[in-house]
């Protein structure tokens, strides 16, 4: 099974995306979601087309990705190699920024830490203990071989993605003028765990994830 990704030429890199004003209510999140979607997927994974200033190739394809050892099939491409000391090990507390997309629904962006701001308007990283089992396996596998400052794009197969509704990272359970996270969470789960489509054998289509991850810090 393969999926094709195409970067929209009118939108910025996921690590420089700018929030635009929105006047929709929580009951009408569709327009904002479409405006923030970066990728178009088809049912055949023939390549990955995107441009990133941190990577030498201007048009990398799936052949540029490598499968991470002992990851269960997670494929990764380093957009920027970190220079910060050791790689994380189980028990370390790590902080990451991420930009998560779902292979289904035309590459829908279901969450980004850059959408979650503190009282000063700064994006809040996602913090977790590596090896705790609370985070999906694909993200843990990717972080284990990263260094602080690195940015990595990963393709996570369903077996290493969401296995239940308690695993993170997930959109926060909030709903306001600027964020439709409650609806994003519901849409994420009802897509991945859609019983009808799962019964039709579409699990690999529903559950494939694409994450851009930046390792911000680690603490032993």
N, C-alpha and C. Protein backbone atom coordinates (compact mmCIF):
# COMPACT_ATOMS: atom_id res chain seq x y z
N UNK A 1 0.84 -1.19 0.00
CA UNK A 1 0.00 0.00 0.00
C UNK A 1 0.88 1.24 0.00
N UNK A 2 0.52 2.18 -0.81
CA UNK A 2 1.34 3.37 -0.89
C UNK A 2 0.48 4.60 -1.00
N UNK A 3 1.04 5.73 -0.63
CA UNK A 3 0.30 7.00 -0.57
C UNK A 3 1.13 8.07 -1.23
N UNK A 4 0.51 8.95 -1.95
CA UNK A 4 1.22 10.04 -2.60
C UNK A 4 0.93 11.34 -1.86
N UNK A 5 1.97 12.13 -1.58
CA UNK A 5 1.81 13.40 -0.89
C UNK A 5 2.22 14.52 -1.82
N UNK A 6 1.45 15.60 -1.82
CA UNK A 6 1.78 16.75 -2.65
C UNK A 6 1.66 18.02 -1.82
N UNK A 7 2.73 18.80 -1.75
CA UNK A 7 2.73 20.01 -0.96
C UNK A 7 2.00 21.13 -1.68
N UNK A 8 1.10 21.79 -0.98
CA UNK A 8 0.41 22.93 -1.57
C UNK A 8 1.37 24.09 -1.74
N UNK A 9 1.46 24.69 -2.91
CA UNK A 9 2.47 25.72 -3.16
C UNK A 9 2.15 27.05 -2.50
N UNK A 10 0.93 27.26 -2.01
CA UNK A 10 0.57 28.57 -1.49
C UNK A 10 0.70 28.66 0.02
N UNK A 11 1.10 27.56 0.68
CA UNK A 11 1.20 27.59 2.13
C UNK A 11 2.65 27.46 2.57
N UNK A 12 3.01 28.00 3.76
CA UNK A 12 4.39 27.96 4.24
C UNK A 12 4.75 26.61 4.82
N UNK A 13 6.02 26.47 5.19
CA UNK A 13 6.50 25.27 5.88
C UNK A 13 5.73 25.10 7.17
N UNK A 14 5.51 23.83 7.63
CA UNK A 14 4.80 23.62 8.88
C UNK A 14 5.51 24.23 10.07
N UNK A 15 6.79 24.56 9.94
CA UNK A 15 7.51 25.16 11.05
C UNK A 15 7.57 26.67 10.94
N UNK A 16 6.82 27.24 10.00
CA UNK A 16 6.73 28.69 9.93
C UNK A 16 5.30 29.13 9.65
N UNK A 17 4.35 28.24 9.97
CA UNK A 17 2.96 28.54 9.63
C UNK A 17 2.44 29.68 10.49
N UNK A 18 1.71 30.58 9.90
CA UNK A 18 1.18 31.75 10.59
C UNK A 18 -0.31 31.57 10.82
N UNK A 19 -0.76 31.85 12.04
CA UNK A 19 -2.18 31.75 12.33
C UNK A 19 -2.92 32.90 11.66
N UNK A 20 -3.97 32.58 10.96
CA UNK A 20 -4.79 33.58 10.32
C UNK A 20 -6.06 33.79 11.13
N UNK A 21 -6.63 35.00 11.10
CA UNK A 21 -7.86 35.23 11.84
C UNK A 21 -8.97 34.31 11.36
N UNK A 22 -9.80 33.89 12.29
CA UNK A 22 -10.92 33.03 11.97
C UNK A 22 -12.17 33.57 12.63
N UNK A 23 -13.28 33.52 11.91
CA UNK A 23 -14.52 34.01 12.46
C UNK A 23 -15.58 32.92 12.51
N UNK A 24 -15.12 31.67 12.38
CA UNK A 24 -16.04 30.55 12.46
C UNK A 24 -16.30 30.19 13.91
N UNK A 25 -17.44 29.61 14.18
CA UNK A 25 -17.72 29.11 15.51
C UNK A 25 -17.27 27.67 15.58
N UNK A 26 -17.35 27.10 16.79
CA UNK A 26 -16.91 25.72 16.96
C UNK A 26 -17.74 24.75 16.13
N UNK A 27 -18.93 25.12 15.79
CA UNK A 27 -19.78 24.22 15.02
C UNK A 27 -19.44 24.21 13.54
N UNK A 28 -18.56 25.14 13.11
CA UNK A 28 -18.24 25.24 11.69
C UNK A 28 -16.73 25.28 11.48
N UNK A 29 -16.02 24.16 11.75
CA UNK A 29 -14.57 24.17 11.65
C UNK A 29 -14.02 23.84 10.28
N UNK A 30 -14.85 23.49 9.31
CA UNK A 30 -14.36 22.92 8.05
C UNK A 30 -13.46 23.85 7.28
N UNK A 31 -13.82 25.15 7.14
CA UNK A 31 -13.04 26.07 6.32
C UNK A 31 -11.65 26.24 6.87
N UNK A 32 -11.53 26.40 8.18
CA UNK A 32 -10.22 26.60 8.79
C UNK A 32 -9.35 25.37 8.60
N UNK A 33 -9.95 24.20 8.72
CA UNK A 33 -9.17 22.98 8.53
C UNK A 33 -8.62 22.91 7.12
N UNK A 34 -9.46 23.25 6.14
CA UNK A 34 -9.01 23.19 4.75
C UNK A 34 -7.88 24.18 4.52
N UNK A 35 -7.95 25.35 5.15
CA UNK A 35 -6.93 26.36 4.94
C UNK A 35 -5.60 25.95 5.51
N UNK A 36 -5.61 25.10 6.53
CA UNK A 36 -4.37 24.71 7.19
C UNK A 36 -3.83 23.38 6.69
N UNK A 37 -4.54 22.71 5.81
CA UNK A 37 -4.08 21.42 5.32
C UNK A 37 -2.93 21.62 4.35
N UNK A 38 -1.78 20.93 4.60
CA UNK A 38 -0.60 21.11 3.76
C UNK A 38 -0.49 20.08 2.65
N UNK A 39 -1.07 18.92 2.86
CA UNK A 39 -0.79 17.84 1.94
C UNK A 39 -2.04 17.27 1.29
N UNK A 40 -1.88 16.80 0.04
CA UNK A 40 -2.92 16.04 -0.62
C UNK A 40 -2.41 14.62 -0.81
N UNK A 41 -3.19 13.65 -0.33
CA UNK A 41 -2.78 12.26 -0.42
C UNK A 41 -3.63 11.56 -1.48
N UNK A 42 -3.03 10.63 -2.19
CA UNK A 42 -3.80 9.70 -3.02
C UNK A 42 -3.57 8.32 -2.46
N UNK A 43 -4.16 7.32 -3.05
CA UNK A 43 -4.07 5.97 -2.50
C UNK A 43 -2.77 5.28 -2.85
N UNK A 44 -1.91 5.94 -3.63
CA UNK A 44 -0.65 5.30 -4.02
C UNK A 44 0.52 6.14 -3.53
N UNK A 45 1.39 5.54 -2.72
CA UNK A 45 2.50 6.25 -2.12
C UNK A 45 3.69 6.17 -3.07
N UNK A 46 3.69 7.03 -4.09
CA UNK A 46 4.76 6.99 -5.07
C UNK A 46 5.88 7.97 -4.75
N UNK A 47 5.63 8.93 -3.87
CA UNK A 47 6.68 9.89 -3.54
C UNK A 47 6.21 10.92 -2.56
N UNK A 48 7.16 11.71 -2.07
CA UNK A 48 6.88 12.80 -1.17
C UNK A 48 7.44 14.06 -1.78
N UNK A 49 6.56 14.98 -2.16
CA UNK A 49 7.03 16.20 -2.78
C UNK A 49 6.91 17.37 -1.84
N UNK A 50 8.04 17.94 -1.41
CA UNK A 50 8.00 19.13 -0.58
C UNK A 50 9.33 19.83 -0.71
N UNK A 51 9.38 21.06 -0.27
CA UNK A 51 10.62 21.83 -0.30
C UNK A 51 10.91 22.33 1.09
N UNK A 52 12.10 22.09 1.60
CA UNK A 52 12.47 22.52 2.95
C UNK A 52 13.89 23.05 2.92
N UNK A 53 14.13 24.25 3.44
CA UNK A 53 15.46 24.85 3.39
C UNK A 53 16.49 24.12 4.22
N UNK A 54 16.05 23.25 5.14
CA UNK A 54 16.98 22.55 6.00
C UNK A 54 17.46 21.24 5.39
N UNK A 55 16.94 20.88 4.24
CA UNK A 55 17.31 19.61 3.62
C UNK A 55 17.92 19.85 2.25
N UNK A 56 18.95 19.08 1.93
CA UNK A 56 19.72 19.33 0.71
C UNK A 56 18.89 19.15 -0.55
N UNK A 57 17.97 18.18 -0.54
CA UNK A 57 17.19 17.92 -1.73
C UNK A 57 15.96 18.80 -1.76
N UNK A 58 15.67 19.41 -2.90
CA UNK A 58 14.51 20.29 -3.01
C UNK A 58 13.24 19.50 -3.31
N UNK A 59 13.40 18.22 -3.71
CA UNK A 59 12.22 17.43 -4.02
C UNK A 59 12.46 15.98 -3.63
N UNK A 60 12.59 15.71 -2.32
CA UNK A 60 12.86 14.34 -1.89
C UNK A 60 11.66 13.44 -2.15
N UNK A 61 11.91 12.18 -2.37
CA UNK A 61 10.85 11.20 -2.59
C UNK A 61 10.91 10.17 -1.47
N UNK A 62 10.01 9.18 -1.56
CA UNK A 62 9.96 8.16 -0.52
C UNK A 62 11.28 7.42 -0.41
N UNK A 63 12.07 7.37 -1.49
CA UNK A 63 13.36 6.69 -1.45
C UNK A 63 14.36 7.40 -0.55
N UNK A 64 14.10 8.68 -0.24
CA UNK A 64 14.99 9.41 0.66
C UNK A 64 14.73 9.06 2.12
N UNK A 65 13.59 8.45 2.40
CA UNK A 65 13.27 8.05 3.76
C UNK A 65 13.96 6.73 4.08
N UNK A 66 14.32 6.56 5.35
CA UNK A 66 14.92 5.31 5.79
C UNK A 66 14.06 4.73 6.91
N UNK A 67 14.00 3.41 6.97
CA UNK A 67 13.24 2.77 8.04
C UNK A 67 14.09 2.75 9.31
N UNK A 68 13.53 3.23 10.39
CA UNK A 68 14.25 3.26 11.65
C UNK A 68 14.38 1.86 12.23
N UNK A 69 15.56 1.48 12.72
CA UNK A 69 15.75 0.14 13.30
C UNK A 69 14.79 -0.12 14.46
N UNK A 70 14.26 -1.32 14.51
CA UNK A 70 13.40 -1.76 15.62
C UNK A 70 12.22 -0.83 15.85
N UNK A 71 11.69 -0.27 14.76
CA UNK A 71 10.60 0.69 14.89
C UNK A 71 9.25 0.14 14.45
N UNK A 72 9.24 -1.05 13.90
CA UNK A 72 7.98 -1.59 13.40
C UNK A 72 7.56 -1.00 12.07
N UNK A 73 8.50 -0.42 11.35
CA UNK A 73 8.19 0.09 10.01
C UNK A 73 8.08 1.59 9.90
N UNK A 74 8.49 2.34 10.92
CA UNK A 74 8.47 3.80 10.85
C UNK A 74 9.57 4.28 9.91
N UNK A 75 9.21 5.14 8.95
CA UNK A 75 10.19 5.69 8.01
C UNK A 75 10.45 7.15 8.36
N UNK A 76 11.70 7.57 8.24
CA UNK A 76 12.08 8.90 8.68
C UNK A 76 12.99 9.60 7.68
N UNK A 77 12.87 10.92 7.66
CA UNK A 77 13.74 11.77 6.86
C UNK A 77 14.14 12.95 7.73
N UNK A 78 15.43 13.14 7.95
CA UNK A 78 15.91 14.26 8.75
C UNK A 78 15.92 15.53 7.92
N UNK A 79 15.11 16.49 8.32
CA UNK A 79 15.08 17.79 7.67
C UNK A 79 16.18 18.69 8.21
N UNK A 80 16.51 18.47 9.47
CA UNK A 80 17.63 19.17 10.08
C UNK A 80 18.21 18.26 11.15
N UNK A 81 19.51 18.02 11.11
CA UNK A 81 20.16 17.16 12.08
C UNK A 81 20.52 17.97 13.31
N UNK A 82 20.12 17.49 14.48
CA UNK A 82 20.40 18.20 15.71
C UNK A 82 21.86 18.09 16.11
N UNK A 83 22.30 19.05 16.89
CA UNK A 83 23.69 19.08 17.32
C UNK A 83 23.82 19.04 18.84
N UNK A 84 22.71 18.74 19.51
CA UNK A 84 22.69 18.85 20.96
C UNK A 84 22.94 17.57 21.72
N UNK A 85 24.18 17.20 21.92
CA UNK A 85 24.55 16.15 22.85
C UNK A 85 24.02 14.77 22.52
N UNK A 86 23.58 14.07 23.58
CA UNK A 86 23.19 12.67 23.47
C UNK A 86 21.78 12.51 22.89
N UNK A 87 21.51 11.30 22.42
CA UNK A 87 20.16 10.95 22.01
C UNK A 87 19.38 10.48 23.24
N UNK A 88 18.08 10.64 23.26
CA UNK A 88 17.29 10.26 24.43
C UNK A 88 17.26 8.75 24.65
N UNK A 89 17.08 8.37 25.90
CA UNK A 89 16.88 6.97 26.28
C UNK A 89 15.64 6.88 27.15
N UNK A 90 15.13 5.66 27.31
CA UNK A 90 13.93 5.48 28.12
C UNK A 90 14.13 6.07 29.52
N UNK A 91 13.13 6.77 29.99
CA UNK A 91 13.19 7.43 31.28
C UNK A 91 13.51 8.91 31.19
N UNK A 92 14.05 9.36 30.04
CA UNK A 92 14.32 10.78 29.86
C UNK A 92 13.01 11.54 29.64
N UNK A 93 12.96 12.76 30.14
CA UNK A 93 11.84 13.64 29.87
C UNK A 93 12.20 14.48 28.66
N UNK A 94 11.43 14.35 27.61
CA UNK A 94 11.73 15.06 26.37
C UNK A 94 10.62 16.05 26.04
N UNK A 95 10.99 17.12 25.39
CA UNK A 95 10.04 18.13 24.92
C UNK A 95 10.17 18.22 23.41
N UNK A 96 9.05 18.13 22.72
CA UNK A 96 9.06 18.20 21.26
C UNK A 96 8.00 19.19 20.78
N UNK A 97 8.26 19.77 19.63
CA UNK A 97 7.22 20.41 18.85
C UNK A 97 6.86 19.43 17.74
N UNK A 98 5.59 19.36 17.41
CA UNK A 98 5.20 18.45 16.35
C UNK A 98 4.09 19.07 15.50
N UNK A 99 3.99 18.54 14.31
CA UNK A 99 2.95 18.91 13.35
C UNK A 99 2.40 17.60 12.82
N UNK A 100 1.20 17.21 13.26
CA UNK A 100 0.67 15.90 12.94
C UNK A 100 -0.37 15.92 11.85
N UNK A 101 -0.24 14.99 10.89
CA UNK A 101 -1.19 14.88 9.79
C UNK A 101 -1.67 13.45 9.67
N UNK A 102 -2.85 13.31 9.14
CA UNK A 102 -3.47 12.01 8.95
C UNK A 102 -3.48 11.68 7.47
N UNK A 103 -3.04 10.47 7.12
CA UNK A 103 -2.99 10.11 5.71
C UNK A 103 -4.37 10.12 5.07
N UNK A 104 -5.39 9.76 5.84
CA UNK A 104 -6.75 9.85 5.35
C UNK A 104 -7.20 11.31 5.34
N UNK A 105 -8.31 11.57 4.69
CA UNK A 105 -8.91 12.91 4.64
C UNK A 105 -7.97 13.95 4.03
N UNK A 106 -7.34 13.58 2.92
CA UNK A 106 -6.51 14.50 2.14
C UNK A 106 -5.36 15.10 2.94
N UNK A 107 -4.76 14.31 3.82
CA UNK A 107 -3.61 14.80 4.57
C UNK A 107 -3.99 15.82 5.61
N UNK A 108 -5.12 15.64 6.24
CA UNK A 108 -5.64 16.59 7.21
C UNK A 108 -4.71 16.77 8.41
N UNK A 109 -4.42 18.04 8.74
CA UNK A 109 -3.63 18.35 9.92
C UNK A 109 -4.53 18.28 11.15
N UNK A 110 -4.27 17.31 12.02
CA UNK A 110 -5.14 17.15 13.17
C UNK A 110 -4.65 17.87 14.41
N UNK A 111 -3.37 18.22 14.46
CA UNK A 111 -2.89 18.96 15.63
C UNK A 111 -1.47 19.46 15.38
N UNK A 112 -1.12 20.54 16.09
CA UNK A 112 0.23 21.09 16.06
C UNK A 112 0.49 21.80 17.38
N UNK A 113 1.65 21.57 17.95
CA UNK A 113 1.99 22.27 19.19
C UNK A 113 2.11 23.77 18.96
N UNK A 114 2.32 24.19 17.73
CA UNK A 114 2.44 25.62 17.45
C UNK A 114 1.09 26.33 17.58
N UNK A 115 0.02 25.54 17.67
CA UNK A 115 -1.30 26.12 17.90
C UNK A 115 -1.59 26.36 19.38
N UNK A 116 -0.76 25.78 20.26
CA UNK A 116 -1.02 25.85 21.69
C UNK A 116 -0.06 26.85 22.32
N UNK A 117 -0.58 27.99 22.75
CA UNK A 117 0.26 29.09 23.22
C UNK A 117 0.14 29.29 24.73
N UNK A 118 1.24 29.79 25.34
CA UNK A 118 1.20 30.14 26.75
C UNK A 118 0.70 31.58 26.90
N UNK A 119 0.77 32.10 28.15
CA UNK A 119 0.23 33.44 28.40
C UNK A 119 0.99 34.54 27.69
N UNK A 120 2.22 34.22 27.23
CA UNK A 120 3.02 35.19 26.49
C UNK A 120 2.89 35.03 24.98
N UNK A 121 2.04 34.10 24.56
CA UNK A 121 1.85 33.88 23.14
C UNK A 121 2.88 32.98 22.51
N UNK A 122 3.69 32.30 23.34
CA UNK A 122 4.72 31.40 22.81
C UNK A 122 4.16 29.98 22.69
N UNK A 123 4.53 29.26 21.63
CA UNK A 123 4.05 27.88 21.48
C UNK A 123 4.59 26.99 22.59
N UNK A 124 3.74 26.09 23.07
CA UNK A 124 4.09 25.22 24.19
C UNK A 124 4.47 23.84 23.67
N UNK A 125 5.68 23.35 23.93
CA UNK A 125 6.06 22.01 23.47
C UNK A 125 5.27 20.93 24.19
N UNK A 126 5.25 19.77 23.59
CA UNK A 126 4.64 18.59 24.18
C UNK A 126 5.73 17.85 24.96
N UNK A 127 5.50 17.59 26.23
CA UNK A 127 6.50 16.98 27.11
C UNK A 127 6.01 15.60 27.54
N UNK A 128 6.90 14.61 27.46
CA UNK A 128 6.54 13.27 27.90
C UNK A 128 7.80 12.52 28.33
N UNK A 129 7.60 11.42 29.06
CA UNK A 129 8.70 10.57 29.48
C UNK A 129 8.84 9.45 28.46
N UNK A 130 10.02 9.36 27.86
CA UNK A 130 10.26 8.36 26.83
C UNK A 130 10.17 6.96 27.44
N UNK A 131 9.41 6.09 26.78
CA UNK A 131 9.26 4.73 27.27
C UNK A 131 8.11 4.55 28.23
N UNK A 132 7.34 5.60 28.46
CA UNK A 132 6.23 5.52 29.42
C UNK A 132 5.05 4.73 28.87
N UNK A 133 4.97 4.59 27.54
CA UNK A 133 3.87 3.88 26.93
C UNK A 133 2.64 4.73 26.72
N UNK A 134 2.70 6.01 27.12
CA UNK A 134 1.54 6.90 26.95
C UNK A 134 1.51 7.55 25.57
N UNK A 135 2.63 7.47 24.86
CA UNK A 135 2.77 8.09 23.55
C UNK A 135 2.85 7.00 22.49
N UNK A 136 2.28 7.25 21.32
CA UNK A 136 2.29 6.23 20.27
C UNK A 136 3.72 5.79 19.95
N UNK A 137 3.86 4.52 19.62
CA UNK A 137 5.19 3.93 19.42
C UNK A 137 5.99 4.61 18.33
N UNK A 138 5.31 5.04 17.26
CA UNK A 138 6.03 5.65 16.15
C UNK A 138 6.75 6.92 16.53
N UNK A 139 6.13 7.74 17.37
CA UNK A 139 6.79 8.97 17.82
C UNK A 139 7.96 8.64 18.74
N UNK A 140 7.78 7.69 19.64
CA UNK A 140 8.88 7.31 20.54
C UNK A 140 10.06 6.77 19.74
N UNK A 141 9.79 5.94 18.74
CA UNK A 141 10.87 5.38 17.92
C UNK A 141 11.65 6.48 17.21
N UNK A 142 10.94 7.50 16.73
CA UNK A 142 11.60 8.59 16.02
C UNK A 142 12.46 9.43 16.95
N UNK A 143 11.97 9.71 18.14
CA UNK A 143 12.68 10.58 19.08
C UNK A 143 13.94 9.92 19.62
N UNK A 144 13.92 8.60 19.75
CA UNK A 144 15.06 7.90 20.37
C UNK A 144 16.39 8.13 19.64
N UNK A 145 16.34 8.37 18.36
CA UNK A 145 17.59 8.54 17.61
C UNK A 145 17.80 9.99 17.16
N UNK A 146 17.08 10.93 17.78
CA UNK A 146 17.25 12.34 17.44
C UNK A 146 18.15 13.03 18.47
N UNK A 147 18.70 14.17 18.07
CA UNK A 147 19.43 15.04 18.97
C UNK A 147 18.72 16.37 19.07
N UNK A 148 18.92 17.04 20.19
CA UNK A 148 18.24 18.31 20.42
C UNK A 148 18.54 19.28 19.28
N UNK A 149 17.49 19.92 18.79
CA UNK A 149 17.62 20.84 17.67
C UNK A 149 17.29 20.22 16.34
N UNK A 150 17.16 18.89 16.29
CA UNK A 150 16.86 18.21 15.04
C UNK A 150 15.39 18.28 14.69
N UNK A 151 15.11 18.21 13.39
CA UNK A 151 13.74 18.16 12.89
C UNK A 151 13.65 16.95 11.97
N UNK A 152 12.66 16.14 12.20
CA UNK A 152 12.53 14.88 11.46
C UNK A 152 11.09 14.71 10.99
N UNK A 153 10.94 14.30 9.73
CA UNK A 153 9.62 13.94 9.19
C UNK A 153 9.50 12.44 9.20
N UNK A 154 8.40 11.93 9.75
CA UNK A 154 8.23 10.49 9.88
C UNK A 154 6.89 10.06 9.31
N UNK A 155 6.89 8.86 8.75
CA UNK A 155 5.66 8.21 8.28
C UNK A 155 5.45 7.00 9.18
N UNK A 156 4.32 7.00 9.88
CA UNK A 156 4.05 5.98 10.89
C UNK A 156 2.96 5.04 10.39
N UNK A 157 3.26 3.73 10.31
CA UNK A 157 2.21 2.79 9.90
C UNK A 157 1.20 2.61 11.03
N UNK A 158 0.00 2.12 10.70
CA UNK A 158 -1.04 1.99 11.72
C UNK A 158 -0.62 1.18 12.94
N UNK A 159 0.20 0.17 12.74
CA UNK A 159 0.61 -0.68 13.87
C UNK A 159 1.42 0.07 14.91
N UNK A 160 2.03 1.19 14.52
CA UNK A 160 2.85 1.99 15.43
C UNK A 160 2.19 3.32 15.76
N UNK A 161 0.93 3.46 15.33
CA UNK A 161 0.18 4.68 15.60
C UNK A 161 -0.79 4.50 16.74
N UNK A 162 -1.97 5.09 16.60
CA UNK A 162 -2.95 5.07 17.67
C UNK A 162 -3.63 3.70 17.76
N UNK A 163 -3.45 3.06 18.91
CA UNK A 163 -4.09 1.77 19.16
C UNK A 163 -5.32 1.90 20.04
N UNK A 164 -5.43 3.03 20.74
CA UNK A 164 -6.60 3.30 21.57
C UNK A 164 -6.73 4.81 21.73
N UNK A 165 -7.77 5.25 22.40
CA UNK A 165 -8.07 6.67 22.49
C UNK A 165 -7.40 7.36 23.67
N UNK A 166 -6.53 6.66 24.38
CA UNK A 166 -5.83 7.29 25.50
C UNK A 166 -4.39 7.65 25.16
N UNK A 167 -3.91 7.21 24.00
CA UNK A 167 -2.52 7.49 23.63
C UNK A 167 -2.36 8.92 23.12
N UNK A 168 -1.21 9.48 23.40
CA UNK A 168 -0.88 10.83 22.96
C UNK A 168 0.16 10.75 21.85
N UNK A 169 0.43 11.84 21.13
CA UNK A 169 -0.15 13.18 21.28
C UNK A 169 -1.50 13.30 20.59
N UNK A 170 -2.40 14.01 21.24
CA UNK A 170 -3.73 14.24 20.69
C UNK A 170 -4.11 15.70 20.88
N UNK A 171 -5.03 16.21 20.08
CA UNK A 171 -5.49 17.59 20.28
C UNK A 171 -6.11 17.74 21.67
N UNK A 172 -5.89 18.85 22.35
CA UNK A 172 -6.50 19.06 23.66
C UNK A 172 -8.01 19.14 23.55
N UNK A 173 -8.67 18.82 24.64
CA UNK A 173 -10.13 18.77 24.65
C UNK A 173 -10.71 20.15 24.96
N UNK A 174 -10.48 21.10 24.05
CA UNK A 174 -10.97 22.46 24.24
C UNK A 174 -11.68 22.90 22.96
N UNK A 175 -12.48 23.95 23.08
CA UNK A 175 -13.17 24.49 21.91
C UNK A 175 -13.40 25.98 22.14
N UNK A 176 -12.79 26.82 21.32
CA UNK A 176 -13.02 28.25 21.40
C UNK A 176 -12.93 28.84 20.00
N UNK A 177 -12.96 30.18 19.90
CA UNK A 177 -12.99 30.83 18.59
C UNK A 177 -11.77 30.47 17.75
N UNK A 178 -10.62 30.26 18.41
CA UNK A 178 -9.38 30.04 17.67
C UNK A 178 -9.03 28.57 17.51
N UNK A 179 -9.66 27.71 18.29
CA UNK A 179 -9.25 26.31 18.28
C UNK A 179 -10.48 25.40 18.28
N UNK A 180 -10.44 24.40 17.40
CA UNK A 180 -11.53 23.44 17.34
C UNK A 180 -11.01 22.08 17.80
N UNK A 181 -10.16 22.08 18.83
CA UNK A 181 -9.46 20.87 19.22
C UNK A 181 -10.40 19.73 19.59
N UNK A 182 -11.53 20.05 20.22
CA UNK A 182 -12.48 19.01 20.57
C UNK A 182 -12.94 18.27 19.32
N UNK A 183 -13.27 19.03 18.28
CA UNK A 183 -13.73 18.42 17.04
C UNK A 183 -12.59 17.72 16.31
N UNK A 184 -11.37 18.27 16.42
CA UNK A 184 -10.21 17.61 15.82
C UNK A 184 -9.99 16.25 16.46
N UNK A 185 -10.11 16.19 17.78
CA UNK A 185 -9.93 14.92 18.49
C UNK A 185 -10.98 13.91 18.06
N UNK A 186 -12.24 14.35 18.00
CA UNK A 186 -13.31 13.45 17.60
C UNK A 186 -13.11 12.95 16.17
N UNK A 187 -12.71 13.84 15.29
CA UNK A 187 -12.52 13.47 13.88
C UNK A 187 -11.35 12.50 13.74
N UNK A 188 -10.29 12.72 14.50
CA UNK A 188 -9.13 11.82 14.47
C UNK A 188 -9.54 10.41 14.83
N UNK A 189 -10.22 10.27 15.95
CA UNK A 189 -10.57 8.94 16.43
C UNK A 189 -11.64 8.27 15.57
N UNK A 190 -12.65 9.03 15.13
CA UNK A 190 -13.70 8.41 14.34
C UNK A 190 -13.20 8.01 12.96
N UNK A 191 -12.10 8.62 12.50
CA UNK A 191 -11.50 8.20 11.23
C UNK A 191 -10.68 6.93 11.42
N UNK A 192 -9.75 6.96 12.38
CA UNK A 192 -8.85 5.83 12.58
C UNK A 192 -9.59 4.57 13.02
N UNK A 193 -10.60 4.75 13.89
CA UNK A 193 -11.32 3.60 14.44
C UNK A 193 -12.71 3.43 13.82
N UNK A 194 -12.84 3.85 12.57
CA UNK A 194 -14.12 3.73 11.88
C UNK A 194 -14.45 2.25 11.69
N UNK A 195 -15.46 1.73 12.38
CA UNK A 195 -15.71 0.28 12.35
C UNK A 195 -16.10 -0.25 10.98
N UNK A 196 -16.85 0.53 10.23
CA UNK A 196 -17.28 0.07 8.91
C UNK A 196 -16.10 -0.06 7.96
N UNK A 197 -15.28 0.99 7.93
CA UNK A 197 -14.13 0.97 7.01
C UNK A 197 -13.07 -0.04 7.47
N UNK A 198 -12.93 -0.21 8.78
CA UNK A 198 -12.01 -1.23 9.28
C UNK A 198 -12.47 -2.62 8.84
N UNK A 199 -13.77 -2.85 8.92
CA UNK A 199 -14.32 -4.13 8.50
C UNK A 199 -14.12 -4.36 7.00
N UNK A 200 -14.01 -3.28 6.24
CA UNK A 200 -13.76 -3.39 4.80
C UNK A 200 -12.29 -3.51 4.46
N UNK A 201 -11.44 -3.59 5.49
CA UNK A 201 -10.01 -3.77 5.26
C UNK A 201 -9.24 -2.51 4.96
N UNK A 202 -9.78 -1.36 5.36
CA UNK A 202 -9.14 -0.08 5.07
C UNK A 202 -8.28 0.46 6.22
N UNK A 203 -7.92 -0.40 7.16
CA UNK A 203 -7.18 0.06 8.33
C UNK A 203 -5.87 0.74 8.01
N UNK A 204 -5.14 0.22 7.01
CA UNK A 204 -3.85 0.81 6.67
C UNK A 204 -3.99 2.20 6.07
N UNK A 205 -5.13 2.45 5.43
CA UNK A 205 -5.40 3.78 4.89
C UNK A 205 -5.80 4.75 5.98
N UNK A 206 -6.60 4.28 6.91
CA UNK A 206 -7.13 5.16 7.95
C UNK A 206 -6.07 5.57 8.97
N UNK A 207 -5.18 4.65 9.32
CA UNK A 207 -4.31 4.88 10.47
C UNK A 207 -2.91 5.36 10.18
N UNK A 208 -2.53 5.55 8.91
CA UNK A 208 -1.18 6.02 8.61
C UNK A 208 -1.04 7.50 8.99
N UNK A 209 0.05 7.83 9.69
CA UNK A 209 0.27 9.18 10.20
C UNK A 209 1.56 9.75 9.63
N UNK A 210 1.60 11.06 9.51
CA UNK A 210 2.81 11.79 9.13
C UNK A 210 3.05 12.85 10.18
N UNK A 211 4.22 12.83 10.80
CA UNK A 211 4.57 13.82 11.81
C UNK A 211 5.86 14.53 11.40
N UNK A 212 5.90 15.84 11.61
CA UNK A 212 7.16 16.60 11.65
C UNK A 212 7.45 16.83 13.12
N UNK A 213 8.62 16.41 13.56
CA UNK A 213 8.97 16.49 14.98
C UNK A 213 10.26 17.28 15.14
N UNK A 214 10.26 18.23 16.05
CA UNK A 214 11.47 18.94 16.46
C UNK A 214 11.76 18.60 17.90
N UNK A 215 12.94 18.05 18.18
CA UNK A 215 13.34 17.76 19.55
C UNK A 215 13.87 19.03 20.19
N UNK A 216 13.10 19.56 21.14
CA UNK A 216 13.43 20.85 21.76
C UNK A 216 14.40 20.69 22.91
N UNK A 217 14.18 19.69 23.76
CA UNK A 217 15.05 19.49 24.91
C UNK A 217 14.88 18.08 25.45
N UNK A 218 15.86 17.66 26.24
CA UNK A 218 15.72 16.40 26.98
C UNK A 218 16.37 16.58 28.34
N UNK A 219 15.81 15.88 29.32
CA UNK A 219 16.35 15.95 30.67
C UNK A 219 16.45 14.54 31.23
N UNK A 220 17.64 14.19 31.69
CA UNK A 220 17.87 12.87 32.22
C UNK A 220 17.21 12.69 33.56
